[in-house]
Protein backbone atom coordinates (compact mmCIF):
# COMPACT_ATOMS: atom_id res chain seq x y z
CA UNK A 1 14.23 -16.68 -5.76
CA UNK A 2 12.08 -14.24 -7.72
CA UNK A 3 10.32 -12.46 -4.85
CA UNK A 4 8.19 -10.31 -7.11
CA UNK A 5 6.86 -13.32 -9.05
CA UNK A 6 6.21 -15.27 -5.86
CA UNK A 7 4.31 -12.42 -4.20
CA UNK A 8 2.33 -11.76 -7.36
CA UNK A 9 1.10 -15.37 -7.29
CA UNK A 10 0.47 -15.16 -3.54
CA UNK A 11 -1.81 -12.13 -3.96
CA UNK A 12 -3.63 -13.78 -6.85
CA UNK A 13 -4.31 -16.63 -4.43
CA UNK A 14 -5.49 -14.20 -1.73
CA UNK A 15 -8.05 -12.87 -4.22
CA UNK A 16 -9.36 -16.39 -4.69
CA UNK A 17 -9.57 -16.80 -0.88
CA UNK A 18 -11.32 -13.41 -0.54
CA UNK A 19 -8.71 -12.02 1.82
CA UNK A 20 -9.94 -8.77 3.44
CA UNK A 21 -7.53 -6.69 1.34
CA UNK A 22 -8.88 -8.11 -1.93
CA UNK A 23 -12.62 -7.54 -1.45
CA UNK A 24 -13.79 -4.53 -3.50
CA UNK A 25 -16.01 -1.74 -2.23
CA UNK A 26 -19.74 -2.35 -2.35
CA UNK A 27 -22.28 -0.47 -4.44
CA UNK A 28 -23.62 0.98 -1.20
CA UNK A 29 -20.18 2.38 -0.32
CA UNK A 30 -19.93 3.96 -3.76
CA UNK A 31 -23.37 5.53 -3.38
CA UNK A 32 -22.40 6.90 0.03
CA UNK A 33 -19.21 8.34 -1.48
CA UNK A 34 -21.32 10.29 -3.97
CA UNK A 35 -23.02 11.90 -0.97
CA UNK A 36 -19.67 12.86 0.55
CA UNK A 37 -19.62 10.01 3.07
CA UNK A 38 -16.40 8.13 2.32
CA UNK A 39 -13.17 6.92 3.86
CA UNK A 40 -10.13 5.04 2.56
CA UNK A 41 -7.19 3.57 4.44
CA UNK A 42 -3.42 3.42 4.21
CA UNK A 43 -3.28 1.19 7.31
CA UNK A 44 -5.70 -1.41 8.74
CA UNK A 45 -8.26 0.73 10.57
CA UNK A 46 -7.77 4.49 10.65
CA UNK A 47 -9.21 6.34 7.66
CA UNK A 48 -7.04 8.98 6.02
CA UNK A 49 -8.17 12.48 7.10
CA UNK A 50 -10.07 14.25 4.34
CA UNK A 51 -7.91 17.36 4.84
CA UNK A 52 -4.90 15.38 3.60
CA UNK A 53 -6.45 15.47 0.12
CA UNK A 54 -6.66 18.41 -2.27
CA UNK A 55 -9.81 18.85 -4.33
CA UNK A 56 -10.27 15.44 -5.97
CA UNK A 57 -12.21 16.37 -9.11
CA UNK A 58 -9.85 16.07 -12.07
CA UNK A 59 -6.88 15.11 -9.87
CA UNK A 60 -4.50 12.62 -11.52
CA UNK A 61 -3.93 9.87 -8.95
CA UNK A 62 -1.64 6.84 -9.01
CA UNK A 63 -2.84 4.05 -6.74
CA UNK A 64 0.54 2.43 -6.11
CA UNK A 65 0.36 -1.25 -5.12
CA UNK A 66 -3.29 -0.38 -4.50
CA UNK A 67 -5.14 -3.09 -6.40
CA UNK A 68 -8.18 -4.81 -4.97
CA UNK A 69 -10.93 -2.36 -5.85
CA UNK A 70 -10.93 -0.69 -2.44
CA UNK A 71 -9.38 2.77 -2.76
CA UNK A 72 -9.32 3.42 -6.52
CA UNK A 73 -13.09 3.23 -7.12
CA UNK A 74 -13.83 5.61 -4.23
CA UNK A 75 -11.34 8.17 -5.54
CA UNK A 76 -12.65 7.76 -9.09
CA UNK A 77 -16.29 8.21 -8.16
CA UNK A 78 -15.28 11.44 -6.39
CA UNK A 79 -14.01 12.72 -9.73
CA UNK A 80 -10.32 11.78 -9.77
CA UNK A 81 -8.51 10.41 -12.83
CA UNK A 82 -7.24 7.13 -11.34
CA UNK A 83 -4.52 4.73 -12.46
CA UNK A 84 -3.94 1.58 -10.40
CA UNK A 85 -0.48 -0.02 -10.52
CA UNK A 86 -0.12 -3.40 -8.83
CA UNK A 87 1.94 -6.60 -8.90
CA UNK A 88 -1.10 -8.90 -8.88
CA UNK A 89 -3.15 -9.46 -12.03
CA UNK A 90 -6.18 -10.61 -10.06
CA UNK A 91 -6.04 -7.61 -7.73
CA UNK A 92 -6.07 -5.36 -10.78
CA UNK A 93 -9.08 -7.21 -12.16
CA UNK A 94 -11.01 -6.25 -9.02
CA UNK A 95 -10.55 -2.58 -9.96
CA UNK A 96 -11.32 -3.27 -13.63
CA UNK A 97 -14.60 -4.97 -12.74
CA UNK A 98 -15.81 -2.17 -10.47
CA UNK A 99 -14.69 0.42 -12.99
CA UNK A 100 -16.63 -1.18 -15.86
CA UNK A 101 -19.74 -1.66 -13.74
CA UNK A 102 -19.77 2.00 -12.73
CA UNK A 103 -18.14 3.64 -15.78
CA UNK A 104 -15.30 5.03 -13.66
CA UNK A 105 -12.55 4.99 -16.29
CA UNK A 106 -9.92 3.50 -13.98
CA UNK A 107 -6.73 2.49 -15.81
CA UNK A 108 -4.77 -0.56 -14.56
CA UNK A 109 -1.13 -1.52 -15.10
CA UNK A 110 0.73 -4.54 -13.73
CA UNK A 111 4.28 -4.09 -12.51
CA UNK A 112 6.89 -3.73 -9.77
CA UNK A 113 6.32 -0.70 -7.51
CA UNK A 114 10.08 0.02 -7.60
CA UNK A 115 9.98 0.58 -11.37
CA UNK A 116 7.50 3.17 -12.64
CA UNK A 117 9.29 3.68 -15.96
CA UNK A 118 5.98 3.26 -17.83
CA UNK A 119 5.09 6.74 -16.54
CA UNK A 120 6.60 10.04 -17.60
CA UNK A 121 8.17 12.50 -15.18
CA UNK A 122 5.70 14.72 -13.35
CA UNK A 123 2.50 13.12 -14.58
CA UNK A 124 0.58 12.63 -11.30
CA UNK A 125 -0.81 14.99 -8.67
CA UNK A 126 -1.03 12.34 -5.94
CA UNK A 127 0.42 8.89 -5.25
CA UNK A 128 -1.70 6.81 -2.86
CA UNK A 129 0.28 3.84 -1.53
CA UNK A 130 -1.53 1.66 1.06
CA UNK A 131 0.66 -0.43 3.35
CA UNK A 132 2.51 -2.55 0.79
CA UNK A 133 6.23 -1.71 0.79
CA UNK A 134 6.67 -4.64 3.19
CA UNK A 135 6.24 -6.97 0.19
CA UNK A 136 9.48 -5.89 -1.52
CA UNK A 137 13.01 -6.36 -0.23
CA UNK A 138 14.34 -2.90 -1.12
CA UNK A 139 12.27 0.28 -0.86
CA UNK A 140 14.51 3.29 -1.55
CA UNK A 141 13.82 3.03 -5.31
CA UNK A 142 10.09 3.38 -4.54
CA UNK A 143 10.49 6.84 -3.03
CA UNK A 144 12.74 7.99 -5.87
CA UNK A 145 10.22 6.81 -8.45
CA UNK A 146 7.30 8.40 -6.61
CA UNK A 147 9.20 11.69 -6.48
CA UNK A 148 9.93 11.49 -10.18
CA UNK A 149 6.37 10.80 -11.37
CA UNK A 150 4.79 13.49 -9.16
CA UNK A 151 4.28 17.05 -10.30
CA UNK A 152 5.76 19.89 -8.19
CA UNK A 153 3.62 20.19 -5.04
CA UNK A 154 2.44 16.63 -5.69
CA UNK A 155 1.47 14.51 -2.68
CA UNK A 156 2.63 11.06 -1.56
CA UNK A 157 0.50 9.20 0.98
CA UNK A 158 1.87 5.89 2.17
CA UNK A 159 1.23 3.24 4.81
CA UNK A 160 4.26 1.94 6.71
CA UNK A 161 4.89 -0.69 9.36
CA UNK A 162 6.94 -0.27 12.51
CA UNK A 163 9.90 -2.65 12.02
CA UNK A 164 9.56 -3.76 15.65
CA UNK A 165 6.31 -5.51 14.72
CA UNK A 166 8.33 -7.97 12.61
CA UNK A 167 10.94 -8.62 15.30
CA UNK A 168 8.50 -9.91 17.93
CA UNK A 169 7.14 -13.41 18.46
CA UNK A 170 3.50 -13.29 17.34
CA UNK A 171 2.06 -14.79 20.54
CA UNK A 172 4.29 -13.93 23.52
CA UNK A 173 5.76 -10.76 21.98
CA UNK A 174 9.32 -11.68 22.94
CA UNK A 175 12.04 -10.09 20.82
CA UNK A 176 13.41 -12.85 18.58
CA UNK A 177 14.53 -11.31 15.28
CA UNK A 178 17.17 -8.71 14.48
CA UNK A 179 16.39 -5.65 12.40
CA UNK A 180 15.85 -5.55 9.49
CA UNK A 181 13.56 -8.56 9.40
CA UNK A 182 13.28 -10.60 6.21
CA UNK A 183 11.29 -13.79 5.61
CA UNK A 184 14.15 -14.83 3.33
CA UNK A 185 17.04 -14.22 5.74
CA UNK A 186 15.51 -14.23 9.23
CA UNK A 187 13.27 -17.31 9.33
CA UNK A 188 14.53 -20.84 9.96
CA UNK A 189 14.82 -22.74 6.69
CA UNK A 190 11.87 -25.02 7.40
CA UNK A 191 9.56 -22.07 8.19
CA UNK A 192 10.53 -20.30 4.98
CA UNK A 193 9.98 -23.46 2.98
CA UNK A 194 6.53 -23.83 4.54
CA UNK A 195 5.60 -20.27 3.56
CA UNK A 196 6.75 -20.85 0.00
CA UNK A 197 4.97 -24.19 -0.21
CA UNK A 198 1.72 -22.61 1.01
CA UNK A 199 2.14 -19.70 -1.43
CA UNK A 200 2.06 -17.11 1.32
CA UNK A 201 3.35 -13.62 0.50
CA UNK A 202 6.89 -12.96 1.74
CA UNK A 203 7.40 -9.84 3.87
CA UNK A 204 10.27 -7.56 4.87
CA UNK A 205 10.50 -5.31 7.92
CA UNK A 206 12.27 -2.19 6.66
CA UNK A 207 13.97 0.24 9.02
CA UNK A 208 12.40 3.59 9.82
CA UNK A 209 15.52 5.10 8.27
CA UNK A 210 14.53 3.57 4.92
CA UNK A 211 10.79 4.07 5.33
CA UNK A 212 10.73 7.67 6.56
CA UNK A 213 14.31 8.82 6.05
CA UNK A 214 14.16 7.38 2.54
CA UNK A 215 11.28 9.70 1.66
CA UNK A 216 13.25 12.69 2.94
CA UNK A 217 16.36 11.55 1.08
CA UNK A 218 14.34 11.34 -2.15
CA UNK A 219 13.41 15.01 -1.70
CA UNK A 220 10.00 14.84 -0.04
CA UNK A 221 8.84 17.06 2.82
CA UNK A 222 6.70 15.10 5.29
CA UNK A 223 3.74 17.22 6.38
CA UNK A 224 1.52 14.87 8.40
CA UNK A 225 1.51 11.42 10.00
CA UNK A 226 -0.60 9.20 12.22
CA UNK A 227 -0.23 5.83 13.93
CA UNK A 228 -2.62 2.89 13.72
CA UNK A 229 -2.93 -0.70 14.97
CA UNK A 230 -4.56 -3.95 13.90
CA UNK A 231 -7.86 -2.97 15.52
CA UNK A 232 -7.64 -5.57 18.28
CA UNK A 233 -6.69 -8.44 15.99
CA UNK A 234 -3.11 -8.73 17.29
CA UNK A 235 -1.70 -8.96 20.86
CA UNK A 236 0.76 -6.15 20.17
CA UNK A 237 -2.15 -3.70 19.92
CA UNK A 238 -2.12 -3.54 23.71
CA UNK A 239 1.46 -2.26 23.71
CA UNK A 240 2.15 -0.13 20.63
CA UNK A 241 0.70 0.84 17.24
CA UNK A 242 2.30 -1.24 14.52
CA UNK A 243 1.42 1.04 11.60
CA UNK A 244 2.26 4.56 10.45
CA UNK A 245 0.58 6.67 7.80
CA UNK A 246 2.53 9.55 6.27
CA UNK A 247 1.72 12.43 3.94
CA UNK A 248 4.58 14.08 2.06
CA UNK A 249 4.86 16.68 -0.69
CA UNK A 250 7.28 17.16 -3.54
CA UNK A 251 8.52 20.78 -3.30
């Protein structure tokens, strides 16, 4: 099946349902950002430390798979030159709406995060990629493309998911799936068919070798990281943090 097309439609549907990751920032949040009171996330709860960012004014930023009007508008109102690249047309429209309302100049492009050929080499200072690589079945091309489009000393910030989180039963946390997990290959046929029928996004639990080692293989130097959890919304929070945020630079 065409995973990209399916997940694009799934996220369009999530916008219609007002899923938490599709609700844009409020005017109040934008006003607070102007006063220096702001925070954006790569993972569910923990805000990215401000010292991970260089000076934002004039910085060319690619919000990779970052549609939804949540991170881009904050970065733009702080003075960055923001481009949002996302697989979902309706997620991109969230950024477009906020941008027009506030004259932020955000540019939006629809596409597959593994193919950034619309951008020239070395055209961005920072790539901001909230937890989204789980929605594609192969991720090594993502790191190669991010490396290519970044300038020397450019920064990649990305949200990752511990592959163990996909291998556990959601309620009793027993280990039931082998690594790497894939909705396509790991689920019983009837469960997969139900997901497709309900237009739910398909997910993939990539190994840490591909998620972190893949960044190193592409040429990045990882400088910082943190762990995060669901914020109490998942039983596994009591046992381990399911999410990882990383900051890497292109030498």
